[in-house]
Each structure stands twice: as structure tokens, then as C-alpha cells.
Amino acid sequence: MGCGTPEGATGQNVGRLSAIWAGCPVTTSGVTVNRFCSSGLQTIAMGRRPCAEEEVPVAVGAGVESISMVQMQGPNYNNITEEKLWKPIRLCGCR
């Protein structure tokens, strides 16, 4: 799985965990690739070669990230939905 910023929900080796959560046996390999904007495309290319050479019957390559949920230089306020929680953030000039 491609993940440009593996943290939070996409941390902890999301490639390996995706294989386990999909019901694959624990002997199935999984990898998380961090190439920023090209992470998902890189994993597709990585899976294509062994499939083309008939080394494996199936390979999965994908990107698994919502960049709006990634913490950049400071706190991530994207999940705040209640208006009362915004007040201290606005008072400090953070948003």
C-alpha cells in the first residue's frame, strides 16, 4: 500500500495490516511504501512485475491516504464538528 505520510490511521504498516484485515493468511507479505505523491503508483508497479512473470497469482497495489487528515506543521482541526470546540482555536488565532 502506498502511503505518503504513514501516521495515525495509516500508520503501523498499513500495507501489512490490510492483508491481514482482508483475511489473507499471516504468511502473506505486505509492505507500506512512502514516496509521497507517487506512493500508490509505485505499489502498483511493484505488484505488476511478479504478476507478469507469473511469480505470484495476485498482487494488490493501492494508495491509502487522505492528505486532509494528515498533521502538517501543527494541530489538525479537520475533525472538529462542534462549534463550541472552535472557540479556543479562533481565540488563539490558529484558524
N, C-alpha and C. Protein backbone atom coordinates (compact mmCIF):
# COMPACT_ATOMS: atom_id res chain seq x y z
N MET A 1 0.83 -1.17 0.00
CA MET A 1 0.00 0.00 0.00
C MET A 1 0.88 1.24 0.00
N GLY A 2 0.51 2.19 -0.80
CA GLY A 2 1.24 3.44 -0.83
C GLY A 2 0.65 4.41 0.17
N CYS A 3 1.50 5.05 0.95
CA CYS A 3 1.05 5.99 1.96
C CYS A 3 2.12 7.05 2.13
N GLY A 4 1.86 8.25 1.63
CA GLY A 4 2.86 9.31 1.66
C GLY A 4 3.26 9.76 3.05
N THR A 5 2.35 9.75 3.98
CA THR A 5 2.65 10.14 5.36
C THR A 5 2.03 9.12 6.30
N PRO A 6 2.74 8.03 6.60
CA PRO A 6 2.17 6.99 7.45
C PRO A 6 2.11 7.40 8.91
N GLU A 7 0.96 7.91 9.32
CA GLU A 7 0.74 8.31 10.71
C GLU A 7 -0.73 8.14 11.03
N GLY A 8 -1.06 8.11 12.28
CA GLY A 8 -2.46 7.98 12.69
C GLY A 8 -3.08 6.72 12.14
N ALA A 9 -4.21 6.87 11.46
CA ALA A 9 -4.95 5.71 10.92
C ALA A 9 -4.17 4.97 9.84
N THR A 10 -3.22 5.62 9.20
CA THR A 10 -2.45 4.96 8.15
C THR A 10 -1.05 4.57 8.61
N GLY A 11 -0.80 4.66 9.90
CA GLY A 11 0.49 4.27 10.45
C GLY A 11 0.51 2.77 10.77
N GLN A 12 1.54 2.33 11.44
CA GLN A 12 1.65 0.94 11.88
C GLN A 12 1.65 -0.06 10.73
N ASN A 13 2.34 0.22 9.65
CA ASN A 13 2.47 -0.67 8.49
C ASN A 13 1.11 -1.04 7.90
N VAL A 14 0.42 -0.07 7.38
CA VAL A 14 -0.93 -0.26 6.83
C VAL A 14 -0.96 -1.29 5.70
N GLY A 15 0.12 -1.45 4.97
CA GLY A 15 0.17 -2.47 3.91
C GLY A 15 0.04 -3.88 4.46
N ARG A 16 0.78 -4.16 5.49
CA ARG A 16 0.73 -5.48 6.13
C ARG A 16 -0.63 -5.70 6.81
N LEU A 17 -1.10 -4.70 7.53
CA LEU A 17 -2.39 -4.82 8.22
C LEU A 17 -3.54 -4.99 7.23
N SER A 18 -3.46 -4.35 6.07
CA SER A 18 -4.51 -4.50 5.06
C SER A 18 -4.64 -5.95 4.61
N ALA A 19 -3.52 -6.61 4.42
CA ALA A 19 -3.54 -8.02 4.02
C ALA A 19 -4.17 -8.88 5.11
N ILE A 20 -3.82 -8.62 6.36
CA ILE A 20 -4.38 -9.38 7.48
C ILE A 20 -5.87 -9.12 7.59
N TRP A 21 -6.29 -7.85 7.55
CA TRP A 21 -7.71 -7.50 7.67
C TRP A 21 -8.53 -8.05 6.51
N ALA A 22 -7.90 -8.23 5.35
CA ALA A 22 -8.61 -8.79 4.19
C ALA A 22 -8.82 -10.29 4.31
N GLY A 23 -8.25 -10.89 5.35
CA GLY A 23 -8.43 -12.32 5.55
C GLY A 23 -7.32 -13.18 4.98
N CYS A 24 -6.25 -12.56 4.51
CA CYS A 24 -5.11 -13.32 3.99
C CYS A 24 -4.40 -14.01 5.15
N PRO A 25 -3.77 -15.15 4.89
CA PRO A 25 -3.03 -15.82 5.97
C PRO A 25 -1.87 -14.95 6.46
N VAL A 26 -1.44 -15.18 7.70
CA VAL A 26 -0.35 -14.37 8.26
C VAL A 26 0.97 -14.58 7.52
N THR A 27 1.04 -15.59 6.68
CA THR A 27 2.25 -15.82 5.88
C THR A 27 2.29 -14.92 4.64
N THR A 28 1.20 -14.21 4.37
CA THR A 28 1.13 -13.29 3.23
C THR A 28 1.96 -12.05 3.53
N SER A 29 2.75 -11.63 2.56
CA SER A 29 3.57 -10.43 2.78
C SER A 29 2.76 -9.17 2.54
N GLY A 30 3.23 -8.09 3.10
CA GLY A 30 2.61 -6.78 2.90
C GLY A 30 3.67 -5.72 3.13
N VAL A 31 3.55 -4.61 2.44
CA VAL A 31 4.56 -3.56 2.56
C VAL A 31 3.88 -2.20 2.46
N THR A 32 4.42 -1.24 3.19
CA THR A 32 3.96 0.14 3.09
C THR A 32 5.06 0.95 2.42
N VAL A 33 4.71 1.66 1.36
CA VAL A 33 5.68 2.44 0.58
C VAL A 33 5.41 3.92 0.80
N ASN A 34 6.45 4.68 1.09
CA ASN A 34 6.34 6.11 1.29
C ASN A 34 7.13 6.82 0.21
N ARG A 35 6.43 7.26 -0.85
CA ARG A 35 7.06 8.06 -1.91
C ARG A 35 6.25 9.32 -2.14
N PHE A 36 5.57 9.75 -1.11
CA PHE A 36 4.74 10.94 -1.16
C PHE A 36 3.72 10.84 -2.29
N CYS A 37 3.72 11.73 -3.26
CA CYS A 37 2.65 11.75 -4.26
C CYS A 37 2.59 10.51 -5.14
N SER A 38 3.66 9.76 -5.24
CA SER A 38 3.66 8.60 -6.14
C SER A 38 3.61 7.26 -5.41
N SER A 39 3.25 7.27 -4.13
CA SER A 39 3.25 6.03 -3.34
C SER A 39 2.33 4.97 -3.90
N GLY A 40 1.08 5.33 -4.20
CA GLY A 40 0.13 4.35 -4.74
C GLY A 40 0.57 3.81 -6.08
N LEU A 41 1.03 4.69 -6.96
CA LEU A 41 1.51 4.28 -8.28
C LEU A 41 2.72 3.35 -8.16
N GLN A 42 3.61 3.65 -7.22
CA GLN A 42 4.78 2.80 -7.01
C GLN A 42 4.36 1.39 -6.60
N THR A 43 3.37 1.26 -5.72
CA THR A 43 2.95 -0.08 -5.28
C THR A 43 2.30 -0.87 -6.41
N ILE A 44 1.60 -0.18 -7.30
CA ILE A 44 1.01 -0.86 -8.47
C ILE A 44 2.13 -1.39 -9.36
N ALA A 45 3.15 -0.57 -9.59
CA ALA A 45 4.29 -1.01 -10.40
C ALA A 45 5.03 -2.16 -9.73
N MET A 46 5.16 -2.11 -8.41
CA MET A 46 5.83 -3.19 -7.68
C MET A 46 5.07 -4.51 -7.79
N GLY A 47 3.75 -4.45 -7.82
CA GLY A 47 2.95 -5.66 -7.92
C GLY A 47 2.86 -6.20 -9.34
N ARG A 48 3.02 -5.34 -10.32
CA ARG A 48 2.89 -5.75 -11.72
C ARG A 48 3.97 -6.74 -12.14
N ARG A 49 5.22 -6.48 -11.76
CA ARG A 49 6.32 -7.33 -12.21
C ARG A 49 6.15 -8.79 -11.80
N PRO A 50 5.94 -9.12 -10.53
CA PRO A 50 5.80 -10.54 -10.19
C PRO A 50 4.57 -11.19 -10.82
N CYS A 51 3.52 -10.42 -11.06
CA CYS A 51 2.35 -10.98 -11.76
C CYS A 51 2.69 -11.27 -13.22
N ALA A 52 3.37 -10.33 -13.87
CA ALA A 52 3.73 -10.50 -15.28
C ALA A 52 4.66 -11.68 -15.48
N GLU A 53 5.53 -11.93 -14.52
CA GLU A 53 6.47 -13.04 -14.62
C GLU A 53 5.93 -14.32 -13.99
N GLU A 54 4.65 -14.29 -13.64
CA GLU A 54 3.94 -15.44 -13.07
C GLU A 54 4.61 -15.99 -11.81
N GLU A 55 5.19 -15.09 -11.02
CA GLU A 55 5.76 -15.48 -9.73
C GLU A 55 4.68 -15.55 -8.65
N VAL A 56 3.64 -14.75 -8.82
CA VAL A 56 2.52 -14.73 -7.88
C VAL A 56 1.21 -14.70 -8.67
N PRO A 57 0.13 -15.30 -8.14
CA PRO A 57 -1.14 -15.26 -8.86
C PRO A 57 -1.85 -13.91 -8.75
N VAL A 58 -1.64 -13.21 -7.63
CA VAL A 58 -2.34 -11.94 -7.38
C VAL A 58 -1.42 -11.00 -6.62
N ALA A 59 -1.48 -9.73 -6.97
CA ALA A 59 -0.78 -8.69 -6.21
C ALA A 59 -1.71 -7.49 -6.12
N VAL A 60 -1.69 -6.81 -5.01
CA VAL A 60 -2.54 -5.64 -4.81
C VAL A 60 -1.65 -4.42 -4.61
N GLY A 61 -1.93 -3.38 -5.34
CA GLY A 61 -1.22 -2.11 -5.17
C GLY A 61 -2.25 -1.01 -5.08
N ALA A 62 -2.09 -0.11 -4.13
CA ALA A 62 -3.08 0.96 -3.94
C ALA A 62 -2.47 2.09 -3.13
N GLY A 63 -3.19 3.19 -3.09
CA GLY A 63 -2.84 4.31 -2.22
C GLY A 63 -3.92 4.43 -1.15
N VAL A 64 -3.51 4.68 0.07
CA VAL A 64 -4.47 4.68 1.19
C VAL A 64 -4.29 5.91 2.07
N GLU A 65 -4.56 7.06 1.54
CA GLU A 65 -4.33 8.24 2.36
C GLU A 65 -5.26 9.36 1.96
N SER A 66 -5.74 10.06 2.97
CA SER A 66 -6.46 11.31 2.75
C SER A 66 -5.56 12.40 3.30
N ILE A 67 -4.93 13.14 2.44
CA ILE A 67 -3.94 14.12 2.88
C ILE A 67 -4.56 15.18 3.78
N SER A 68 -5.88 15.40 3.68
CA SER A 68 -6.52 16.37 4.56
C SER A 68 -6.55 15.90 6.00
N MET A 69 -6.30 14.62 6.25
CA MET A 69 -6.30 14.10 7.61
C MET A 69 -4.90 14.02 8.20
N VAL A 70 -3.90 14.44 7.45
CA VAL A 70 -2.51 14.37 7.91
C VAL A 70 -2.15 15.65 8.65
N GLN A 71 -1.43 15.51 9.75
CA GLN A 71 -0.98 16.67 10.52
C GLN A 71 0.24 17.25 9.83
N MET A 72 0.15 18.46 9.36
CA MET A 72 1.28 19.07 8.68
C MET A 72 2.19 19.77 9.70
N GLN A 73 2.16 21.10 9.80
CA GLN A 73 3.05 21.78 10.74
C GLN A 73 2.44 22.01 12.11
N GLY A 74 1.22 21.66 12.30
CA GLY A 74 0.60 21.91 13.59
C GLY A 74 -0.62 21.04 13.78
N PRO A 75 -1.44 21.39 14.75
CA PRO A 75 -2.63 20.59 15.03
C PRO A 75 -3.56 20.48 13.83
N ASN A 76 -4.18 19.33 13.69
CA ASN A 76 -5.12 19.08 12.61
C ASN A 76 -6.53 19.29 13.13
N TYR A 77 -7.22 20.29 12.62
CA TYR A 77 -8.55 20.63 13.11
C TYR A 77 -9.67 20.10 12.23
N ASN A 78 -9.37 19.23 11.29
CA ASN A 78 -10.38 18.77 10.34
C ASN A 78 -11.51 17.96 10.95
N ASN A 79 -11.31 17.35 12.12
CA ASN A 79 -12.34 16.52 12.72
C ASN A 79 -13.22 17.27 13.71
N ILE A 80 -12.98 18.54 13.94
CA ILE A 80 -13.79 19.29 14.89
C ILE A 80 -15.11 19.66 14.23
N THR A 81 -16.20 19.15 14.81
CA THR A 81 -17.52 19.40 14.22
C THR A 81 -18.40 20.27 15.11
N GLU A 82 -18.14 20.29 16.40
CA GLU A 82 -18.97 21.08 17.30
C GLU A 82 -18.45 22.52 17.36
N GLU A 83 -19.36 23.47 17.17
CA GLU A 83 -18.99 24.88 17.13
C GLU A 83 -18.29 25.32 18.41
N LYS A 84 -18.72 24.82 19.57
CA LYS A 84 -18.12 25.25 20.84
C LYS A 84 -16.64 24.87 20.94
N LEU A 85 -16.22 23.84 20.21
CA LEU A 85 -14.82 23.44 20.25
C LEU A 85 -13.93 24.37 19.43
N TRP A 86 -14.52 25.12 18.48
CA TRP A 86 -13.74 26.04 17.65
C TRP A 86 -13.34 27.31 18.40
N LYS A 87 -14.11 27.70 19.43
CA LYS A 87 -13.88 28.98 20.10
C LYS A 87 -12.44 29.15 20.59
N PRO A 88 -11.87 28.19 21.37
CA PRO A 88 -10.48 28.41 21.81
C PRO A 88 -9.48 28.45 20.66
N ILE A 89 -9.77 27.75 19.60
CA ILE A 89 -8.86 27.74 18.44
C ILE A 89 -8.88 29.10 17.76
N ARG A 90 -10.08 29.68 17.62
CA ARG A 90 -10.19 31.01 17.00
C ARG A 90 -9.57 32.09 17.88
N LEU A 91 -9.73 31.95 19.21
CA LEU A 91 -9.17 32.95 20.12
C LEU A 91 -7.65 32.99 20.06
N CYS A 92 -7.02 31.86 19.85
CA CYS A 92 -5.55 31.84 19.80
C CYS A 92 -5.03 32.22 18.42
N GLY A 93 -5.94 32.41 17.45
CA GLY A 93 -5.53 32.80 16.11
C GLY A 93 -5.00 31.66 15.27
N CYS A 94 -5.31 30.42 15.69
CA CYS A 94 -4.80 29.26 14.97
C CYS A 94 -5.56 28.96 13.69
N ARG A 95 -6.76 29.46 13.55
CA ARG A 95 -7.52 29.13 12.35
C ARG A 95 -8.35 30.31 11.91
